[in-house]
Amino acid sequence: MTIMRKKHPLLKIINHSFIDLPTPSNISSWWNFGSFLGFCLMVQIITGLFLAMHYTSDTTTAFSSVAHICRDVNYGWLIRYAHANGASMFFI
């Protein structure tokens, strides 16, 4: 498996980027929060785009569009709550 990891072009890029990546010796578990914040930011962007596709910002139809997202859109409730909780995780 090591030979294939070093020879195949795609696996070589993955190996160089993730497995054989030189890291400092003083790295701690606190460095994981940067990756976690990056993940939360990506969740916010993706779920925000999906929510923006179904939301209307008119004052008379805003509540009904949120109800439409939660009730009629497939997994809309999950996308909405992932967006809300992702914002909380990002700032906490």
N, C-alpha and C. Protein backbone atom coordinates (compact mmCIF):
# COMPACT_ATOMS: atom_id res chain seq x y z
N MET A 1 0.82 -1.19 0.00
CA MET A 1 0.00 0.00 0.00
C MET A 1 0.87 1.26 0.00
N THR A 2 2.02 1.20 0.63
CA THR A 2 2.90 2.36 0.69
C THR A 2 3.43 2.71 -0.70
N ILE A 3 3.73 1.70 -1.50
CA ILE A 3 4.24 1.97 -2.84
C ILE A 3 3.16 2.64 -3.69
N MET A 4 1.94 2.14 -3.57
CA MET A 4 0.84 2.73 -4.33
C MET A 4 0.56 4.16 -3.88
N ARG A 5 0.70 4.41 -2.58
CA ARG A 5 0.49 5.74 -2.03
C ARG A 5 1.54 6.73 -2.54
N LYS A 6 2.74 6.23 -2.82
CA LYS A 6 3.82 7.10 -3.28
C LYS A 6 3.84 7.27 -4.79
N LYS A 7 3.24 6.33 -5.56
CA LYS A 7 3.34 6.35 -7.02
C LYS A 7 2.11 6.92 -7.72
N HIS A 8 0.92 6.60 -7.24
CA HIS A 8 -0.31 7.05 -7.91
C HIS A 8 -0.43 8.57 -7.76
N PRO A 9 -0.71 9.30 -8.87
CA PRO A 9 -0.70 10.78 -8.80
C PRO A 9 -1.69 11.36 -7.79
N LEU A 10 -2.92 10.85 -7.78
CA LEU A 10 -3.91 11.39 -6.85
C LEU A 10 -3.58 11.01 -5.41
N LEU A 11 -3.21 9.77 -5.20
CA LEU A 11 -2.85 9.33 -3.84
C LEU A 11 -1.57 10.00 -3.36
N LYS A 12 -0.69 10.36 -4.30
CA LYS A 12 0.55 11.05 -3.93
C LYS A 12 0.24 12.44 -3.38
N ILE A 13 -0.74 13.13 -3.99
CA ILE A 13 -1.14 14.45 -3.49
C ILE A 13 -1.77 14.33 -2.10
N ILE A 14 -2.65 13.35 -1.93
CA ILE A 14 -3.29 13.15 -0.63
C ILE A 14 -2.25 12.77 0.42
N ASN A 15 -1.32 11.90 0.05
CA ASN A 15 -0.27 11.48 0.98
C ASN A 15 0.59 12.67 1.39
N HIS A 16 0.96 13.50 0.43
CA HIS A 16 1.82 14.64 0.73
C HIS A 16 1.09 15.69 1.57
N SER A 17 -0.23 15.82 1.36
CA SER A 17 -0.99 16.86 2.05
C SER A 17 -1.45 16.46 3.44
N PHE A 18 -1.73 15.16 3.65
CA PHE A 18 -2.33 14.75 4.92
C PHE A 18 -1.47 13.80 5.74
N ILE A 19 -0.83 12.84 5.10
CA ILE A 19 -0.14 11.79 5.86
C ILE A 19 1.29 12.18 6.18
N ASP A 20 2.05 12.59 5.18
CA ASP A 20 3.46 12.94 5.38
C ASP A 20 3.66 14.43 5.59
N LEU A 21 2.64 15.12 6.05
CA LEU A 21 2.72 16.56 6.25
C LEU A 21 3.63 16.87 7.44
N PRO A 22 4.67 17.67 7.24
CA PRO A 22 5.53 18.01 8.38
C PRO A 22 4.80 18.99 9.31
N THR A 23 4.69 18.62 10.56
CA THR A 23 4.02 19.47 11.54
C THR A 23 4.98 19.79 12.68
N PRO A 24 4.80 20.91 13.34
CA PRO A 24 5.67 21.24 14.46
C PRO A 24 5.44 20.29 15.64
N SER A 25 6.46 20.12 16.42
CA SER A 25 6.37 19.18 17.55
C SER A 25 5.58 19.75 18.72
N ASN A 26 5.41 21.05 18.79
CA ASN A 26 4.70 21.66 19.92
C ASN A 26 3.21 21.84 19.65
N ILE A 27 2.66 21.15 18.68
CA ILE A 27 1.24 21.28 18.34
C ILE A 27 0.40 20.63 19.44
N SER A 28 -0.71 21.25 19.80
CA SER A 28 -1.56 20.72 20.86
C SER A 28 -2.97 20.49 20.32
N SER A 29 -3.84 20.03 21.19
CA SER A 29 -5.21 19.76 20.77
C SER A 29 -5.99 21.04 20.51
N TRP A 30 -5.50 22.17 20.97
CA TRP A 30 -6.18 23.44 20.73
C TRP A 30 -6.16 23.82 19.25
N TRP A 31 -5.25 23.24 18.49
CA TRP A 31 -5.17 23.52 17.06
C TRP A 31 -6.38 22.95 16.32
N ASN A 32 -7.07 22.00 16.92
CA ASN A 32 -8.25 21.42 16.28
C ASN A 32 -9.39 22.42 16.16
N PHE A 33 -9.40 23.45 16.98
CA PHE A 33 -10.47 24.43 16.92
C PHE A 33 -10.46 25.20 15.60
N GLY A 34 -9.31 25.38 15.00
CA GLY A 34 -9.25 26.03 13.70
C GLY A 34 -9.96 25.21 12.64
N SER A 35 -9.74 23.91 12.66
CA SER A 35 -10.44 23.03 11.72
C SER A 35 -11.93 23.00 12.01
N PHE A 36 -12.28 22.99 13.28
CA PHE A 36 -13.69 23.00 13.66
C PHE A 36 -14.38 24.29 13.21
N LEU A 37 -13.70 25.42 13.35
CA LEU A 37 -14.28 26.68 12.90
C LEU A 37 -14.41 26.72 11.38
N GLY A 38 -13.43 26.15 10.68
CA GLY A 38 -13.54 26.07 9.23
C GLY A 38 -14.71 25.21 8.80
N PHE A 39 -14.92 24.09 9.51
CA PHE A 39 -16.06 23.22 9.22
C PHE A 39 -17.38 23.95 9.50
N CYS A 40 -17.45 24.66 10.63
CA CYS A 40 -18.67 25.42 10.95
C CYS A 40 -18.94 26.50 9.91
N LEU A 41 -17.90 27.15 9.42
CA LEU A 41 -18.08 28.17 8.40
C LEU A 41 -18.60 27.57 7.11
N MET A 42 -18.09 26.42 6.72
CA MET A 42 -18.58 25.76 5.50
C MET A 42 -20.03 25.33 5.66
N VAL A 43 -20.40 24.82 6.84
CA VAL A 43 -21.80 24.45 7.10
C VAL A 43 -22.68 25.68 7.00
N GLN A 44 -22.23 26.81 7.54
CA GLN A 44 -23.01 28.04 7.48
C GLN A 44 -23.22 28.50 6.04
N ILE A 45 -22.18 28.43 5.24
CA ILE A 45 -22.29 28.88 3.85
C ILE A 45 -23.22 27.98 3.05
N ILE A 46 -23.04 26.67 3.19
CA ILE A 46 -23.85 25.72 2.41
C ILE A 46 -25.31 25.77 2.83
N THR A 47 -25.57 25.71 4.13
CA THR A 47 -26.97 25.75 4.57
C THR A 47 -27.60 27.11 4.31
N GLY A 48 -26.82 28.18 4.41
CA GLY A 48 -27.34 29.51 4.10
C GLY A 48 -27.76 29.64 2.65
N LEU A 49 -26.99 29.04 1.74
CA LEU A 49 -27.38 29.07 0.33
C LEU A 49 -28.66 28.29 0.09
N PHE A 50 -28.79 27.12 0.72
CA PHE A 50 -30.01 26.34 0.56
C PHE A 50 -31.22 27.06 1.16
N LEU A 51 -31.03 27.71 2.30
CA LEU A 51 -32.15 28.43 2.90
C LEU A 51 -32.52 29.66 2.09
N ALA A 52 -31.54 30.33 1.50
CA ALA A 52 -31.82 31.52 0.71
C ALA A 52 -32.60 31.21 -0.55
N MET A 53 -32.50 29.98 -1.03
CA MET A 53 -33.26 29.59 -2.22
C MET A 53 -34.76 29.57 -1.96
N HIS A 54 -35.18 29.35 -0.72
CA HIS A 54 -36.59 29.20 -0.41
C HIS A 54 -37.16 30.35 0.43
N TYR A 55 -36.33 31.27 0.87
CA TYR A 55 -36.78 32.33 1.76
C TYR A 55 -37.23 33.55 0.97
N THR A 56 -38.31 34.17 1.40
CA THR A 56 -38.73 35.47 0.85
C THR A 56 -38.67 36.49 1.98
N SER A 57 -38.12 37.65 1.67
CA SER A 57 -37.88 38.63 2.73
C SER A 57 -38.97 39.68 2.85
N ASP A 58 -40.07 39.50 2.18
CA ASP A 58 -41.19 40.43 2.31
C ASP A 58 -41.79 40.29 3.71
N THR A 59 -42.21 41.41 4.29
CA THR A 59 -42.70 41.37 5.67
C THR A 59 -43.99 40.56 5.82
N THR A 60 -44.76 40.46 4.78
CA THR A 60 -46.02 39.71 4.89
C THR A 60 -45.84 38.22 4.66
N THR A 61 -44.78 37.82 3.97
CA THR A 61 -44.61 36.40 3.64
C THR A 61 -43.38 35.76 4.27
N ALA A 62 -42.66 36.48 5.12
CA ALA A 62 -41.43 35.93 5.69
C ALA A 62 -41.73 34.73 6.60
N PHE A 63 -42.72 34.87 7.47
CA PHE A 63 -43.03 33.76 8.37
C PHE A 63 -43.53 32.54 7.60
N SER A 64 -44.36 32.77 6.59
CA SER A 64 -44.87 31.63 5.82
C SER A 64 -43.76 30.97 5.01
N SER A 65 -42.73 31.72 4.60
CA SER A 65 -41.63 31.08 3.88
C SER A 65 -40.78 30.23 4.82
N VAL A 66 -40.62 30.65 6.08
CA VAL A 66 -39.91 29.82 7.06
C VAL A 66 -40.72 28.58 7.37
N ALA A 67 -42.03 28.72 7.49
CA ALA A 67 -42.89 27.56 7.70
C ALA A 67 -42.84 26.62 6.50
N HIS A 68 -42.76 27.19 5.30
CA HIS A 68 -42.63 26.38 4.09
C HIS A 68 -41.32 25.59 4.10
N ILE A 69 -40.24 26.24 4.53
CA ILE A 69 -38.95 25.56 4.60
C ILE A 69 -39.02 24.39 5.57
N CYS A 70 -39.62 24.60 6.73
CA CYS A 70 -39.67 23.55 7.76
C CYS A 70 -40.63 22.43 7.40
N ARG A 71 -41.72 22.74 6.71
CA ARG A 71 -42.76 21.73 6.48
C ARG A 71 -42.70 21.08 5.11
N ASP A 72 -42.43 21.86 4.07
CA ASP A 72 -42.59 21.36 2.71
C ASP A 72 -41.28 20.98 2.02
N VAL A 73 -40.18 21.62 2.35
CA VAL A 73 -38.90 21.32 1.73
C VAL A 73 -38.35 20.04 2.35
N ASN A 74 -37.84 19.15 1.51
CA ASN A 74 -37.26 17.91 2.02
C ASN A 74 -36.07 18.23 2.92
N TYR A 75 -36.14 17.77 4.15
CA TYR A 75 -35.13 18.00 5.18
C TYR A 75 -34.87 19.49 5.41
N GLY A 76 -35.86 20.33 5.16
CA GLY A 76 -35.72 21.76 5.40
C GLY A 76 -35.56 22.08 6.87
N TRP A 77 -36.27 21.33 7.72
CA TRP A 77 -36.13 21.54 9.16
C TRP A 77 -34.70 21.24 9.61
N LEU A 78 -34.08 20.22 9.03
CA LEU A 78 -32.71 19.86 9.40
C LEU A 78 -31.72 20.93 8.93
N ILE A 79 -31.93 21.43 7.72
CA ILE A 79 -31.06 22.48 7.19
C ILE A 79 -31.18 23.75 8.03
N ARG A 80 -32.41 24.08 8.41
CA ARG A 80 -32.63 25.30 9.22
C ARG A 80 -31.97 25.18 10.59
N TYR A 81 -32.15 24.04 11.24
CA TYR A 81 -31.55 23.87 12.57
C TYR A 81 -30.04 23.70 12.50
N ALA A 82 -29.53 23.11 11.44
CA ALA A 82 -28.07 23.04 11.27
C ALA A 82 -27.50 24.44 11.08
N HIS A 83 -28.22 25.29 10.38
CA HIS A 83 -27.76 26.67 10.18
C HIS A 83 -27.80 27.45 11.50
N ALA A 84 -28.86 27.27 12.26
CA ALA A 84 -28.98 27.98 13.54
C ALA A 84 -27.94 27.50 14.55
N ASN A 85 -27.78 26.19 14.67
CA ASN A 85 -26.81 25.66 15.62
C ASN A 85 -25.38 25.86 15.14
N GLY A 86 -25.16 25.89 13.84
CA GLY A 86 -23.82 26.18 13.32
C GLY A 86 -23.37 27.59 13.68
N ALA A 87 -24.32 28.53 13.66
CA ALA A 87 -23.98 29.90 14.06
C ALA A 87 -23.62 29.96 15.54
N SER A 88 -24.34 29.21 16.36
CA SER A 88 -24.02 29.19 17.79
C SER A 88 -22.66 28.56 18.03
N MET A 89 -22.38 27.47 17.34
CA MET A 89 -21.07 26.81 17.52
C MET A 89 -19.94 27.69 17.01
N PHE A 90 -20.19 28.45 15.96
CA PHE A 90 -19.15 29.30 15.39
C PHE A 90 -18.75 30.40 16.36
N PHE A 91 -19.72 30.96 17.08
CA PHE A 91 -19.42 32.09 17.96
C PHE A 91 -19.13 31.68 19.40
N ILE A 92 -19.41 30.47 19.76
CA ILE A 92 -19.09 30.01 21.12
C ILE A 92 -17.73 29.42 21.07
